[in-house]
């Protein structure tokens, strides 16, 4: 039993490391494949640029070496927690990312709370009131929410709640807990709308499937109150797919804040990535993308590990 557990953990860790290695190479190669020459930017532009100056800059930043040599050098530094120095700011990339990451993390956590509470609640309500006007209203509203892109939702929320009603600020991330919550409410709503619809649909379907199982029918036939059936049997059995979907959506949000941060002027890693790509600041773009991919892989791995604990059927299949 202990050996089987060790082998399973070893396989999972090996899979995570292999995925991270492959993702890191794709990120490194993709950034270098982007149009534009970073050496020109580092040399101060094409005005008065000489071949000697261009060759000097390439040698100074190792841009004249083969791609695999540059990748090996970059990966070795990343393993030693050295993300390099920004071409644009001349600061350590780790310092830039550390200064921006808290805003993005707060935004993702706030949006996660919103789509979990509202999405799961709407899905449970639709499943309990199945085939009624309540079910139709929830399905219609979530379909509408899912069809609205994040930037359109951001513009609509800013126009109505920010400009017309003046309830929430439309830029900045605030300071202190209450001020931060107030500043991040509209961005978090924009980010959570599509996820809310998806989680609601998955919750509804998981609840409907669980309600059709034999032991639920037996409990209903034995006279157990409907409220206890929903809480103890239906919702508990549906938790597996619901938690899995919430985890996957949250992981996707870590890489999906670019549009919302840009729309609301937030200084997160999404806006840092946009600026880095526009200025060919390769070290920053590579570090941010690597952080986003690592966050996604870690969250999805945790969800995969927790799923068997919530669903005994999956645990039995894993054995």
C-alpha atoms as a PDB file:
ATOM      1  CA  UNK A   1       0.000   0.000   0.000  1.00  0.00           C
ATOM      2  CA  UNK A   2       2.766   2.448   0.957  1.00  0.00           C
ATOM      3  CA  UNK A   3       4.811   1.469  -2.130  1.00  0.00           C
ATOM      4  CA  UNK A   4       1.780   2.018  -4.379  1.00  0.00           C
ATOM      5  CA  UNK A   5       1.249   5.464  -2.863  1.00  0.00           C
ATOM      6  CA  UNK A   6       4.914   6.387  -3.350  1.00  0.00           C
ATOM      7  CA  UNK A   7       4.801   5.235  -6.988  1.00  0.00           C
ATOM      8  CA  UNK A   8       1.621   7.199  -7.618  1.00  0.00           C
ATOM      9  CA  UNK A   9       3.084  10.382  -6.105  1.00  0.00           C
ATOM     10  CA  UNK A  10       6.315   9.831  -8.054  1.00  0.00           C
ATOM     11  CA  UNK A  11       4.419   9.451 -11.335  1.00  0.00           C
ATOM     12  CA  UNK A  12       2.424  12.590 -10.647  1.00  0.00           C
ATOM     13  CA  UNK A  13       5.508  14.673  -9.785  1.00  0.00           C
ATOM     14  CA  UNK A  14       7.347  13.348 -12.863  1.00  0.00           C
ATOM     15  CA  UNK A  15       4.379  14.275 -15.043  1.00  0.00           C
ATOM     16  CA  UNK A  16       4.252  17.797 -13.592  1.00  0.00           C
ATOM     17  CA  UNK A  17       8.003  18.330 -14.123  1.00  0.00           C
ATOM     18  CA  UNK A  18       7.838  17.009 -17.711  1.00  0.00           C
ATOM     19  CA  UNK A  19       4.893  19.284 -18.483  1.00  0.00           C
ATOM     20  CA  UNK A  20       6.694  22.282 -16.967  1.00  0.00           C
ATOM     21  CA  UNK A  21       9.828  21.508 -18.997  1.00  0.00           C
ATOM     22  CA  UNK A  22       7.896  21.259 -22.271  1.00  0.00           C
ATOM     23  CA  UNK A  23       5.890  24.407 -21.462  1.00  0.00           C
ATOM     24  CA  UNK A  24       9.045  26.355 -20.606  1.00  0.00           C
ATOM     25  CA  UNK A  25      10.593  25.569 -23.993  1.00  0.00           C
ATOM     26  CA  UNK A  26       7.414  26.506 -25.853  1.00  0.00           C
ATOM     27  CA  UNK A  27       7.272  29.807 -23.954  1.00  0.00           C
ATOM     28  CA  UNK A  28      10.926  30.589 -24.614  1.00  0.00           C
ATOM     29  CA  UNK A  29      10.716  29.733 -28.322  1.00  0.00           C
ATOM     30  CA  UNK A  30       7.379  31.502 -28.827  1.00  0.00           C
ATOM     31  CA  UNK A  31       8.622  34.760 -27.338  1.00  0.00           C
ATOM     32  CA  UNK A  32      11.712  34.672 -29.573  1.00  0.00           C
ATOM     33  CA  UNK A  33       9.524  33.933 -32.597  1.00  0.00           C
ATOM     34  CA  UNK A  34       7.608  37.177 -32.055  1.00  0.00           C
ATOM     35  CA  UNK A  35       8.208  39.845 -34.723  1.00  0.00           C
ATOM     36  CA  UNK A  36      10.816  42.513 -33.966  1.00  0.00           C
ATOM     37  CA  UNK A  37      14.452  42.461 -32.895  1.00  0.00           C
ATOM     38  CA  UNK A  38      15.097  43.057 -29.168  1.00  0.00           C
ATOM     39  CA  UNK A  39      18.687  44.066 -29.952  1.00  0.00           C
ATOM     40  CA  UNK A  40      17.385  47.088 -31.864  1.00  0.00           C
ATOM     41  CA  UNK A  41      15.256  48.093 -28.879  1.00  0.00           C
ATOM     42  CA  UNK A  42      18.186  47.591 -26.475  1.00  0.00           C
ATOM     43  CA  UNK A  43      20.426  49.678 -28.716  1.00  0.00           C
ATOM     44  CA  UNK A  44      17.995  52.590 -28.448  1.00  0.00           C
ATOM     45  CA  UNK A  45      16.159  52.265 -31.775  1.00  0.00           C
ATOM     46  CA  UNK A  46      17.159  52.314 -35.431  1.00  0.00           C
ATOM     47  CA  UNK A  47      18.264  55.941 -35.418  1.00  0.00           C
ATOM     48  CA  UNK A  48      22.065  56.141 -35.630  1.00  0.00           C
ATOM     49  CA  UNK A  49      22.275  52.338 -35.219  1.00  0.00           C
ATOM     50  CA  UNK A  50      25.522  50.907 -36.575  1.00  0.00           C
ATOM     51  CA  UNK A  51      26.336  47.237 -37.273  1.00  0.00           C
ATOM     52  CA  UNK A  52      29.106  47.418 -34.642  1.00  0.00           C
ATOM     53  CA  UNK A  53      26.713  48.711 -31.983  1.00  0.00           C
ATOM     54  CA  UNK A  54      24.139  46.046 -32.917  1.00  0.00           C
ATOM     55  CA  UNK A  55      26.761  43.271 -32.674  1.00  0.00           C
ATOM     56  CA  UNK A  56      27.920  44.636 -29.306  1.00  0.00           C
ATOM     57  CA  UNK A  57      24.379  44.548 -27.893  1.00  0.00           C
ATOM     58  CA  UNK A  58      23.780  41.010 -29.184  1.00  0.00           C
ATOM     59  CA  UNK A  59      27.003  39.794 -27.551  1.00  0.00           C
ATOM     60  CA  UNK A  60      26.274  41.614 -24.276  1.00  0.00           C
ATOM     61  CA  UNK A  61      22.830  39.987 -23.887  1.00  0.00           C
ATOM     62  CA  UNK A  62      23.852  36.619 -25.444  1.00  0.00           C
ATOM     63  CA  UNK A  63      21.384  37.193 -28.302  1.00  0.00           C
ATOM     64  CA  UNK A  64      23.964  35.973 -30.847  1.00  0.00           C
ATOM     65  CA  UNK A  65      23.999  32.441 -29.400  1.00  0.00           C
ATOM     66  CA  UNK A  66      21.920  29.522 -30.812  1.00  0.00           C
ATOM     67  CA  UNK A  67      18.356  29.195 -29.507  1.00  0.00           C
ATOM     68  CA  UNK A  68      19.005  26.003 -27.510  1.00  0.00           C
ATOM     69  CA  UNK A  69      22.052  27.538 -25.825  1.00  0.00           C
ATOM     70  CA  UNK A  70      20.019  30.584 -24.830  1.00  0.00           C
ATOM     71  CA  UNK A  71      17.205  28.316 -23.602  1.00  0.00           C
ATOM     72  CA  UNK A  72      19.611  26.229 -21.506  1.00  0.00           C
ATOM     73  CA  UNK A  73      21.134  29.358 -19.981  1.00  0.00           C
ATOM     74  CA  UNK A  74      17.677  30.796 -19.207  1.00  0.00           C
ATOM     75  CA  UNK A  75      16.349  27.524 -17.740  1.00  0.00           C
ATOM     76  CA  UNK A  76      19.451  27.118 -15.543  1.00  0.00           C
ATOM     77  CA  UNK A  77      18.964  30.635 -14.170  1.00  0.00           C
ATOM     78  CA  UNK A  78      15.227  30.002 -13.581  1.00  0.00           C
ATOM     79  CA  UNK A  79      15.993  26.846 -11.598  1.00  0.00           C
ATOM     80  CA  UNK A  80      18.234  29.019  -9.410  1.00  0.00           C
ATOM     81  CA  UNK A  81      15.397  31.596  -9.069  1.00  0.00           C
ATOM     82  CA  UNK A  82      17.208  34.110 -11.265  1.00  0.00           C
ATOM     83  CA  UNK A  83      14.693  35.446 -13.817  1.00  0.00           C
ATOM     84  CA  UNK A  84      17.126  37.932 -15.309  1.00  0.00           C
ATOM     85  CA  UNK A  85      17.009  41.703 -15.690  1.00  0.00           C
ATOM     86  CA  UNK A  86      14.336  43.641 -17.580  1.00  0.00           C
ATOM     87  CA  UNK A  87      15.460  45.142 -20.896  1.00  0.00           C
ATOM     88  CA  UNK A  88      13.081  48.077 -20.412  1.00  0.00           C
ATOM     89  CA  UNK A  89      13.278  48.874 -16.693  1.00  0.00           C
ATOM     90  CA  UNK A  90      16.784  47.500 -15.981  1.00  0.00           C
ATOM     91  CA  UNK A  91      15.356  46.059 -12.745  1.00  0.00           C
ATOM     92  CA  UNK A  92      15.366  42.441 -11.640  1.00  0.00           C
ATOM     93  CA  UNK A  93      12.433  40.624 -13.253  1.00  0.00           C
ATOM     94  CA  UNK A  94      11.660  38.853  -9.967  1.00  0.00           C
ATOM     95  CA  UNK A  95      11.171  42.247  -8.278  1.00  0.00           C
ATOM     96  CA  UNK A  96       8.840  43.460 -11.045  1.00  0.00           C
ATOM     97  CA  UNK A  97       6.736  40.291 -10.895  1.00  0.00           C
ATOM     98  CA  UNK A  98       6.639  40.311  -7.076  1.00  0.00           C
ATOM     99  CA  UNK A  99       5.372  43.909  -7.109  1.00  0.00           C
ATOM    100  CA  UNK A 100       2.554  43.137  -9.596  1.00  0.00           C
ATOM    101  CA  UNK A 101       1.526  39.611  -8.606  1.00  0.00           C
ATOM    102  CA  UNK A 102      -0.488  40.490  -5.426  1.00  0.00           C
ATOM    103  CA  UNK A 103      -2.956  42.584  -7.470  1.00  0.00           C
ATOM    104  CA  UNK A 104      -3.563  39.750  -9.945  1.00  0.00           C
ATOM    105  CA  UNK A 105      -3.882  37.192  -7.145  1.00  0.00           C
ATOM    106  CA  UNK A 106      -6.410  39.351  -5.282  1.00  0.00           C
ATOM    107  CA  UNK A 107      -8.401  39.827  -8.489  1.00  0.00           C
ATOM    108  CA  UNK A 108      -8.475  36.084  -9.245  1.00  0.00           C
ATOM    109  CA  UNK A 109      -9.425  35.163  -5.668  1.00  0.00           C
ATOM    110  CA  UNK A 110     -12.224  37.758  -5.622  1.00  0.00           C
ATOM    111  CA  UNK A 111     -13.554  36.529  -8.980  1.00  0.00           C
ATOM    112  CA  UNK A 112     -13.326  32.929  -7.741  1.00  0.00           C
ATOM    113  CA  UNK A 113     -15.437  33.730  -4.677  1.00  0.00           C
ATOM    114  CA  UNK A 114     -18.029  35.377  -6.934  1.00  0.00           C
ATOM    115  CA  UNK A 115     -18.331  32.592  -9.495  1.00  0.00           C
ATOM    116  CA  UNK A 116     -18.278  29.823  -6.875  1.00  0.00           C
ATOM    117  CA  UNK A 117     -20.963  31.371  -4.648  1.00  0.00           C
ATOM    118  CA  UNK A 118     -23.206  32.670  -7.438  1.00  0.00           C
ATOM    119  CA  UNK A 119     -22.525  29.924  -9.993  1.00  0.00           C
ATOM    120  CA  UNK A 120     -22.953  26.957  -7.658  1.00  0.00           C
ATOM    121  CA  UNK A 121     -25.950  28.638  -6.000  1.00  0.00           C
ATOM    122  CA  UNK A 122     -27.652  29.231  -9.360  1.00  0.00           C
ATOM    123  CA  UNK A 123     -26.904  25.667 -10.478  1.00  0.00           C
ATOM    124  CA  UNK A 124     -28.337  24.158  -7.295  1.00  0.00           C
ATOM    125  CA  UNK A 125     -31.443  26.353  -7.577  1.00  0.00           C
ATOM    126  CA  UNK A 126     -31.969  25.342 -11.219  1.00  0.00           C
ATOM    127  CA  UNK A 127     -31.574  21.640 -10.395  1.00  0.00           C
ATOM    128  CA  UNK A 128     -33.942  21.767  -7.400  1.00  0.00           C
ATOM    129  CA  UNK A 129     -36.528  23.736  -9.434  1.00  0.00           C
ATOM    130  CA  UNK A 130     -35.976  21.665 -12.571  1.00  0.00           C
ATOM    131  CA  UNK A 131     -38.480  22.108 -15.431  1.00  0.00           C
ATOM    132  CA  UNK A 132     -40.004  25.224 -13.837  1.00  0.00           C
ATOM    133  CA  UNK A 133     -39.767  28.906 -14.778  1.00  0.00           C
ATOM    134  CA  UNK A 134     -36.947  29.289 -12.248  1.00  0.00           C
ATOM    135  CA  UNK A 135     -34.886  26.672 -14.115  1.00  0.00           C
ATOM    136  CA  UNK A 136     -35.597  28.388 -17.446  1.00  0.00           C
ATOM    137  CA  UNK A 137     -34.664  31.795 -16.027  1.00  0.00           C
ATOM    138  CA  UNK A 138     -31.351  30.532 -14.619  1.00  0.00           C
ATOM    139  CA  UNK A 139     -30.446  28.738 -17.866  1.00  0.00           C
ATOM    140  CA  UNK A 140     -31.376  31.802 -19.950  1.00  0.00           C
ATOM    141  CA  UNK A 141     -29.437  34.219 -17.729  1.00  0.00           C
ATOM    142  CA  UNK A 142     -26.322  32.021 -17.670  1.00  0.00           C
ATOM    143  CA  UNK A 143     -26.479  31.569 -21.444  1.00  0.00           C
ATOM    144  CA  UNK A 144     -26.563  35.348 -21.855  1.00  0.00           C
ATOM    145  CA  UNK A 145     -23.678  35.778 -19.381  1.00  0.00           C
ATOM    146  CA  UNK A 146     -21.573  33.162 -21.179  1.00  0.00           C
ATOM    147  CA  UNK A 147     -22.059  34.898 -24.536  1.00  0.00           C
ATOM    148  CA  UNK A 148     -20.688  38.259 -23.338  1.00  0.00           C
ATOM    149  CA  UNK A 149     -16.891  38.666 -23.757  1.00  0.00           C
ATOM    150  CA  UNK A 150     -14.939  39.991 -20.763  1.00  0.00           C
ATOM    151  CA  UNK A 151     -14.040  43.312 -22.411  1.00  0.00           C
ATOM    152  CA  UNK A 152     -17.692  43.968 -23.340  1.00  0.00           C
ATOM    153  CA  UNK A 153     -18.790  43.177 -19.784  1.00  0.00           C
ATOM    154  CA  UNK A 154     -16.042  45.472 -18.472  1.00  0.00           C
ATOM    155  CA  UNK A 155     -17.205  48.382 -20.652  1.00  0.00           C
ATOM    156  CA  UNK A 156     -20.858  47.871 -19.650  1.00  0.00           C
ATOM    157  CA  UNK A 157     -20.053  47.643 -15.927  1.00  0.00           C
ATOM    158  CA  UNK A 158     -17.839  50.729 -16.045  1.00  0.00           C
ATOM    159  CA  UNK A 159     -20.482  52.730 -17.925  1.00  0.00           C
ATOM    160  CA  UNK A 160     -23.368  51.821 -15.601  1.00  0.00           C
ATOM    161  CA  UNK A 161     -21.950  51.210 -12.105  1.00  0.00           C
ATOM    162  CA  UNK A 162     -18.831  53.341 -12.396  1.00  0.00           C
ATOM    163  CA  UNK A 163     -19.824  56.383 -14.495  1.00  0.00           C
ATOM    164  CA  UNK A 164     -23.626  56.643 -14.258  1.00  0.00           C
ATOM    165  CA  UNK A 165     -24.196  55.474 -10.672  1.00  0.00           C
ATOM    166  CA  UNK A 166     -20.719  56.219  -9.294  1.00  0.00           C
ATOM    167  CA  UNK A 167     -20.823  53.266  -6.927  1.00  0.00           C
ATOM    168  CA  UNK A 168     -17.376  51.865  -7.720  1.00  0.00           C
ATOM    169  CA  UNK A 169     -14.025  53.294  -8.903  1.00  0.00           C
ATOM    170  CA  UNK A 170     -13.125  52.401 -12.477  1.00  0.00           C
ATOM    171  CA  UNK A 171      -9.305  52.462 -12.185  1.00  0.00           C
ATOM    172  CA  UNK A 172      -6.652  51.467  -9.652  1.00  0.00           C
ATOM    173  CA  UNK A 173      -6.491  48.647  -7.122  1.00  0.00           C
ATOM    174  CA  UNK A 174      -6.994  50.612  -3.876  1.00  0.00           C
ATOM    175  CA  UNK A 175      -5.261  50.286  -0.500  1.00  0.00           C
ATOM    176  CA  UNK A 176      -6.477  48.463   2.598  1.00  0.00           C
ATOM    177  CA  UNK A 177      -9.000  45.624   2.621  1.00  0.00           C
ATOM    178  CA  UNK A 178     -12.288  47.501   2.120  1.00  0.00           C
ATOM    179  CA  UNK A 179     -10.852  49.956  -0.412  1.00  0.00           C
ATOM    180  CA  UNK A 180      -9.278  47.064  -2.361  1.00  0.00           C
ATOM    181  CA  UNK A 181     -12.578  45.169  -2.409  1.00  0.00           C
ATOM    182  CA  UNK A 182     -14.348  48.292  -3.669  1.00  0.00           C
ATOM    183  CA  UNK A 183     -11.786  48.886  -6.430  1.00  0.00           C
ATOM    184  CA  UNK A 184     -11.707  45.251  -7.540  1.00  0.00           C
ATOM    185  CA  UNK A 185     -15.472  44.631  -7.552  1.00  0.00           C
ATOM    186  CA  UNK A 186     -16.099  45.636 -11.181  1.00  0.00           C
ATOM    187  CA  UNK A 187     -12.962  43.891 -12.559  1.00  0.00           C
ATOM    188  CA  UNK A 188     -13.800  40.733 -10.602  1.00  0.00           C
ATOM    189  CA  UNK A 189     -17.397  40.790 -11.875  1.00  0.00           C
ATOM    190  CA  UNK A 190     -16.154  41.157 -15.458  1.00  0.00           C
ATOM    191  CA  UNK A 191     -13.813  38.227 -14.990  1.00  0.00           C
ATOM    192  CA  UNK A 192     -16.361  36.040 -13.190  1.00  0.00           C
ATOM    193  CA  UNK A 193     -19.379  36.405 -15.502  1.00  0.00           C
ATOM    194  CA  UNK A 194     -18.374  33.784 -18.072  1.00  0.00           C
ATOM    195  CA  UNK A 195     -17.082  31.420 -15.383  1.00  0.00           C
ATOM    196  CA  UNK A 196     -20.280  31.837 -13.393  1.00  0.00           C
ATOM    197  CA  UNK A 197     -22.332  30.608 -16.323  1.00  0.00           C
ATOM    198  CA  UNK A 198     -20.087  27.589 -16.902  1.00  0.00           C
ATOM    199  CA  UNK A 199     -20.028  26.536 -13.242  1.00  0.00           C
ATOM    200  CA  UNK A 200     -23.786  26.976 -12.988  1.00  0.00           C
ATOM    201  CA  UNK A 201     -24.368  24.650 -15.967  1.00  0.00           C
ATOM    202  CA  UNK A 202     -21.993  21.985 -14.610  1.00  0.00           C
ATOM    203  CA  UNK A 203     -23.544  22.187 -11.123  1.00  0.00           C
ATOM    204  CA  UNK A 204     -27.061  21.826 -12.509  1.00  0.00           C
ATOM    205  CA  UNK A 205     -26.192  18.798 -14.637  1.00  0.00           C
ATOM    206  CA  UNK A 206     -24.185  17.111 -11.842  1.00  0.00           C
ATOM    207  CA  UNK A 207     -27.107  17.600  -9.442  1.00  0.00           C
ATOM    208  CA  UNK A 208     -29.604  16.207 -11.969  1.00  0.00           C
ATOM    209  CA  UNK A 209     -27.410  13.131 -12.574  1.00  0.00           C
ATOM    210  CA  UNK A 210     -26.927  12.555  -8.841  1.00  0.00           C
ATOM    211  CA  UNK A 211     -30.664  12.922  -8.193  1.00  0.00           C
ATOM    212  CA  UNK A 212     -31.390  10.119 -10.662  1.00  0.00           C
ATOM    213  CA  UNK A 213     -29.208   7.555  -8.822  1.00  0.00           C
ATOM    214  CA  UNK A 214     -30.744   4.500  -7.162  1.00  0.00           C
ATOM    215  CA  UNK A 215     -29.827   5.334  -3.572  1.00  0.00           C
ATOM    216  CA  UNK A 216     -31.482   8.757  -3.879  1.00  0.00           C
ATOM    217  CA  UNK A 217     -34.672   7.118  -5.151  1.00  0.00           C
ATOM    218  CA  UNK A 218     -34.483   4.662  -2.228  1.00  0.00           C
ATOM    219  CA  UNK A 219     -34.047   7.513   0.267  1.00  0.00           C
ATOM    220  CA  UNK A 220     -36.994   9.367  -1.266  1.00  0.00           C
ATOM    221  CA  UNK A 221     -39.153   6.216  -1.144  1.00  0.00           C
ATOM    222  CA  UNK A 222     -38.307   5.684   2.536  1.00  0.00           C
ATOM    223  CA  UNK A 223     -39.705   9.104   3.413  1.00  0.00           C
ATOM    224  CA  UNK A 224     -36.510  11.131   3.952  1.00  0.00           C
ATOM    225  CA  UNK A 225     -37.351  14.881   3.699  1.00  0.00           C
ATOM    226  CA  UNK A 226     -36.486  16.398   0.314  1.00  0.00           C
ATOM    227  CA  UNK A 227     -34.233  19.043   1.884  1.00  0.00           C
ATOM    228  CA  UNK A 228     -32.103  16.321   3.553  1.00  0.00           C
ATOM    229  CA  UNK A 229     -31.971  14.324   0.288  1.00  0.00           C
ATOM    230  CA  UNK A 230     -30.642  17.344  -1.601  1.00  0.00           C
ATOM    231  CA  UNK A 231     -28.093  18.258   1.074  1.00  0.00           C
ATOM    232  CA  UNK A 232     -26.858  14.801   2.171  1.00  0.00           C
ATOM    233  CA  UNK A 233     -27.140  12.731  -1.008  1.00  0.00           C
ATOM    234  CA  UNK A 234     -27.522  14.797  -4.168  1.00  0.00           C
ATOM    235  CA  UNK A 235     -25.177  17.725  -3.471  1.00  0.00           C
ATOM    236  CA  UNK A 236     -22.553  15.550  -1.811  1.00  0.00           C
ATOM    237  CA  UNK A 237     -22.392  13.155  -4.778  1.00  0.00           C
ATOM    238  CA  UNK A 238     -22.236  16.064  -7.217  1.00  0.00           C
ATOM    239  CA  UNK A 239     -19.296  17.766  -5.462  1.00  0.00           C
ATOM    240  CA  UNK A 240     -16.643  15.935  -7.527  1.00  0.00           C
ATOM    241  CA  UNK A 241     -17.376  17.490 -10.948  1.00  0.00           C
ATOM    242  CA  UNK A 242     -18.307  20.829  -9.357  1.00  0.00           C
ATOM    243  CA  UNK A 243     -14.990  21.182  -7.493  1.00  0.00           C
ATOM    244  CA  UNK A 244     -13.078  19.992 -10.565  1.00  0.00           C
ATOM    245  CA  UNK A 245     -14.722  22.575 -12.791  1.00  0.00           C
ATOM    246  CA  UNK A 246     -14.227  25.379 -10.241  1.00  0.00           C
ATOM    247  CA  UNK A 247     -10.525  24.506  -9.984  1.00  0.00           C
ATOM    248  CA  UNK A 248     -10.041  24.420 -13.755  1.00  0.00           C
ATOM    249  CA  UNK A 249     -11.827  27.734 -14.207  1.00  0.00           C
ATOM    250  CA  UNK A 250      -9.768  29.369 -11.461  1.00  0.00           C
ATOM    251  CA  UNK A 251      -6.559  28.036 -13.029  1.00  0.00           C
ATOM    252  CA  UNK A 252      -7.615  29.480 -16.386  1.00  0.00           C
ATOM    253  CA  UNK A 253      -8.239  32.861 -14.779  1.00  0.00           C
ATOM    254  CA  UNK A 254      -4.578  33.126 -13.730  1.00  0.00           C
ATOM    255  CA  UNK A 255      -3.755  33.391 -17.427  1.00  0.00           C
ATOM    256  CA  UNK A 256      -6.866  35.337 -18.403  1.00  0.00           C
ATOM    257  CA  UNK A 257      -6.586  38.604 -16.522  1.00  0.00           C
ATOM    258  CA  UNK A 258      -4.816  40.492 -19.313  1.00  0.00           C
ATOM    259  CA  UNK A 259      -7.936  42.041 -20.853  1.00  0.00           C
ATOM    260  CA  UNK A 260      -9.598  42.956 -17.544  1.00  0.00           C
ATOM    261  CA  UNK A 261      -6.424  44.463 -16.048  1.00  0.00           C
ATOM    262  CA  UNK A 262      -5.892  46.530 -19.179  1.00  0.00           C
ATOM    263  CA  UNK A 263      -9.529  47.701 -19.252  1.00  0.00           C
ATOM    264  CA  UNK A 264      -9.475  48.820 -15.590  1.00  0.00           C
ATOM    265  CA  UNK A 265      -5.890  50.121 -15.483  1.00  0.00           C
ATOM    266  CA  UNK A 266      -4.754  47.593 -12.866  1.00  0.00           C
ATOM    267  CA  UNK A 267      -1.027  47.088 -12.305  1.00  0.00           C
ATOM    268  CA  UNK A 268      -1.070  43.291 -12.351  1.00  0.00           C
ATOM    269  CA  UNK A 269       1.045  40.756 -14.170  1.00  0.00           C
ATOM    270  CA  UNK A 270      -1.428  40.750 -17.089  1.00  0.00           C
ATOM    271  CA  UNK A 271      -0.768  44.410 -17.882  1.00  0.00           C
ATOM    272  CA  UNK A 272       2.946  43.802 -17.210  1.00  0.00           C
ATOM    273  CA  UNK A 273       2.865  41.066 -19.868  1.00  0.00           C
ATOM    274  CA  UNK A 274       1.191  43.334 -22.429  1.00  0.00           C
ATOM    275  CA  UNK A 275       3.814  46.041 -21.885  1.00  0.00           C
ATOM    276  CA  UNK A 276       6.641  43.506 -22.083  1.00  0.00           C
ATOM    277  CA  UNK A 277       5.404  42.106 -25.398  1.00  0.00           C
ATOM    278  CA  UNK A 278       4.943  45.583 -26.905  1.00  0.00           C
ATOM    279  CA  UNK A 279       8.507  46.599 -25.982  1.00  0.00           C
ATOM    280  CA  UNK A 280      10.166  43.235 -26.721  1.00  0.00           C
ATOM    281  CA  UNK A 281      11.155  42.925 -23.056  1.00  0.00           C
ATOM    282  CA  UNK A 282      11.820  39.198 -23.403  1.00  0.00           C
ATOM    283  CA  UNK A 283      12.930  38.373 -19.824  1.00  0.00           C
ATOM    284  CA  UNK A 284       9.739  39.869 -18.362  1.00  0.00           C
ATOM    285  CA  UNK A 285       7.426  38.235 -20.935  1.00  0.00           C
ATOM    286  CA  UNK A 286       9.049  34.834 -20.417  1.00  0.00           C
ATOM    287  CA  UNK A 287       8.884  35.104 -16.620  1.00  0.00           C
ATOM    288  CA  UNK A 288       5.211  36.152 -16.570  1.00  0.00           C
ATOM    289  CA  UNK A 289       4.173  33.435 -19.016  1.00  0.00           C
ATOM    290  CA  UNK A 290       6.144  30.837 -17.057  1.00  0.00           C
ATOM    291  CA  UNK A 291       4.451  31.979 -13.831  1.00  0.00           C
ATOM    292  CA  UNK A 292       0.996  31.751 -15.436  1.00  0.00           C
ATOM    293  CA  UNK A 293       1.637  28.265 -16.834  1.00  0.00           C
ATOM    294  CA  UNK A 294       3.118  27.061 -13.531  1.00  0.00           C
ATOM    295  CA  UNK A 295       0.095  28.367 -11.630  1.00  0.00           C
ATOM    296  CA  UNK A 296      -2.251  26.604 -14.044  1.00  0.00           C
ATOM    297  CA  UNK A 297      -0.381  23.296 -13.766  1.00  0.00           C
ATOM    298  CA  UNK A 298      -0.198  23.447  -9.955  1.00  0.00           C
ATOM    299  CA  UNK A 299      -3.911  24.224  -9.546  1.00  0.00           C
ATOM    300  CA  UNK A 300      -5.034  21.544 -12.011  1.00  0.00           C
ATOM    301  CA  UNK A 301      -2.748  18.991 -10.322  1.00  0.00           C
ATOM    302  CA  UNK A 302      -4.241  19.819  -6.920  1.00  0.00           C
ATOM    303  CA  UNK A 303      -7.750  19.483  -8.351  1.00  0.00           C
ATOM    304  CA  UNK A 304      -6.823  16.128  -9.869  1.00  0.00           C
ATOM    305  CA  UNK A 305      -5.493  14.982  -6.485  1.00  0.00           C
ATOM    306  CA  UNK A 306      -8.560  16.146  -4.549  1.00  0.00           C
ATOM    307  CA  UNK A 307     -11.157  14.734  -6.956  1.00  0.00           C
ATOM    308  CA  UNK A 308     -10.846  11.063  -5.800  1.00  0.00           C
ATOM    309  CA  UNK A 309     -11.329  12.184  -2.190  1.00  0.00           C
ATOM    310  CA  UNK A 310     -14.692  13.723  -3.107  1.00  0.00           C
ATOM    311  CA  UNK A 311     -15.926  10.967  -5.410  1.00  0.00           C
ATOM    312  CA  UNK A 312     -15.445   7.361  -4.198  1.00  0.00           C
ATOM    313  CA  UNK A 313     -16.164   6.069  -7.741  1.00  0.00           C
ATOM    314  CA  UNK A 314     -13.081   7.881  -9.085  1.00  0.00           C
ATOM    315  CA  UNK A 315     -11.017   6.670  -6.138  1.00  0.00           C
ATOM    316  CA  UNK A 316     -12.000   3.090  -6.899  1.00  0.00           C
ATOM    317  CA  UNK A 317     -11.118   3.517 -10.576  1.00  0.00           C
ATOM    318  CA  UNK A 318      -7.710   4.980  -9.666  1.00  0.00           C
ATOM    319  CA  UNK A 319      -6.840   1.865  -7.714  1.00  0.00           C
END
